[in-house]
């Protein structure tokens, strides 16, 4: 009787997919933070990172779509406050 070690599947992704996963998480975080501060900068960065992550085939598609939506929301919040204050920035 011959005993063999059980085979395990490797669940690691390629470096490109891992990078895309990191971009999806970064897009989500930047989009979330951008709702509060620096939305004129963080919104477009979140949109760009989420788009690249989706294009590269991230495993975290939901997080990338949330980052994309939050990036757009950042810009919409900026436009709304600009209309209220008639300035390029907004304050409380």
Protein backbone atom coordinates (compact mmCIF):
# COMPACT_ATOMS: atom_id res chain seq x y z
CA UNK A 1 0.00 0.00 0.00
CA UNK A 2 1.43 3.31 -1.08
CA UNK A 3 0.55 6.51 0.74
CA UNK A 4 0.57 9.74 -1.18
CA UNK A 5 0.21 13.27 0.02
CA UNK A 6 -3.11 14.88 -0.80
CA UNK A 7 -2.94 17.26 -3.69
CA UNK A 8 -3.87 20.85 -3.02
CA UNK A 9 -4.87 23.41 -5.55
CA UNK A 10 -3.03 26.64 -5.50
CA UNK A 11 -5.43 29.53 -5.01
CA UNK A 12 -2.88 32.21 -5.73
CA UNK A 13 -3.54 34.51 -8.61
CA UNK A 14 -1.09 35.90 -11.10
CA UNK A 15 0.67 39.13 -10.14
CA UNK A 16 -1.46 41.12 -12.62
CA UNK A 17 -4.69 39.95 -10.95
CA UNK A 18 -3.28 40.66 -7.49
CA UNK A 19 -2.37 44.17 -8.65
CA UNK A 20 -5.87 44.60 -10.04
CA UNK A 21 -7.34 43.42 -6.73
CA UNK A 22 -5.25 46.04 -4.92
CA UNK A 23 -6.42 48.69 -7.36
CA UNK A 24 -10.05 47.74 -6.72
CA UNK A 25 -9.58 48.09 -2.95
CA UNK A 26 -7.69 51.37 -3.37
CA UNK A 27 -10.45 52.73 -5.63
CA UNK A 28 -13.06 51.86 -3.00
CA UNK A 29 -11.10 53.49 -0.17
CA UNK A 30 -10.23 56.61 -2.16
CA UNK A 31 -13.82 56.98 -3.32
CA UNK A 32 -15.08 56.63 0.24
CA UNK A 33 -12.59 59.14 1.65
CA UNK A 34 -13.23 61.45 -1.30
CA UNK A 35 -16.82 61.95 -0.17
CA UNK A 36 -15.44 63.85 2.81
CA UNK A 37 -12.22 65.55 1.65
CA UNK A 38 -10.38 66.37 -1.58
CA UNK A 39 -13.13 65.02 -3.80
CA UNK A 40 -11.84 67.01 -6.77
CA UNK A 41 -8.68 64.83 -6.70
CA UNK A 42 -9.77 61.56 -5.14
CA UNK A 43 -12.90 61.13 -7.27
CA UNK A 44 -11.10 60.96 -10.64
CA UNK A 45 -8.34 58.79 -9.15
CA UNK A 46 -10.94 56.34 -7.80
CA UNK A 47 -12.65 56.23 -11.20
CA UNK A 48 -9.35 55.59 -12.99
CA UNK A 49 -8.22 52.87 -10.57
CA UNK A 50 -11.57 51.10 -10.66
CA UNK A 51 -11.64 51.19 -14.46
CA UNK A 52 -8.14 49.75 -14.75
CA UNK A 53 -8.93 47.07 -12.15
CA UNK A 54 -12.03 46.01 -14.07
CA UNK A 55 -10.12 46.06 -17.36
CA UNK A 56 -7.41 43.80 -15.89
CA UNK A 57 -9.98 41.32 -14.62
CA UNK A 58 -9.96 41.76 -10.87
CA UNK A 59 -11.44 39.08 -8.66
CA UNK A 60 -12.96 41.87 -6.54
CA UNK A 61 -15.41 43.16 -9.13
CA UNK A 62 -17.90 44.34 -6.52
CA UNK A 63 -15.30 46.43 -4.77
CA UNK A 64 -14.18 47.90 -8.10
CA UNK A 65 -17.76 48.81 -9.03
CA UNK A 66 -18.24 50.41 -5.60
CA UNK A 67 -15.04 52.41 -6.12
CA UNK A 68 -16.29 53.50 -9.53
CA UNK A 69 -19.65 54.54 -8.12
CA UNK A 70 -18.10 56.36 -5.19
CA UNK A 71 -15.71 58.20 -7.52
CA UNK A 72 -18.66 59.41 -9.58
CA UNK A 73 -20.50 60.31 -6.37
CA UNK A 74 -17.45 62.36 -5.29
CA UNK A 75 -17.71 64.44 -8.42
CA UNK A 76 -21.48 64.82 -8.09
CA UNK A 77 -21.09 66.01 -4.48
CA UNK A 78 -18.46 68.50 -5.65
CA UNK A 79 -20.76 69.83 -8.38
CA UNK A 80 -23.68 70.10 -5.96
CA UNK A 81 -21.66 72.07 -3.43
CA UNK A 82 -20.14 74.22 -6.15
CA UNK A 83 -23.65 75.16 -7.27
CA UNK A 84 -24.61 76.06 -3.71
CA UNK A 85 -21.47 78.09 -2.89
CA UNK A 86 -20.59 79.34 -6.40
CA UNK A 87 -16.96 78.34 -5.79
CA UNK A 88 -14.63 75.54 -6.86
CA UNK A 89 -14.36 74.22 -3.30
CA UNK A 90 -16.85 73.74 -0.51
CA UNK A 91 -16.82 74.11 3.24
CA UNK A 92 -19.22 73.51 6.11
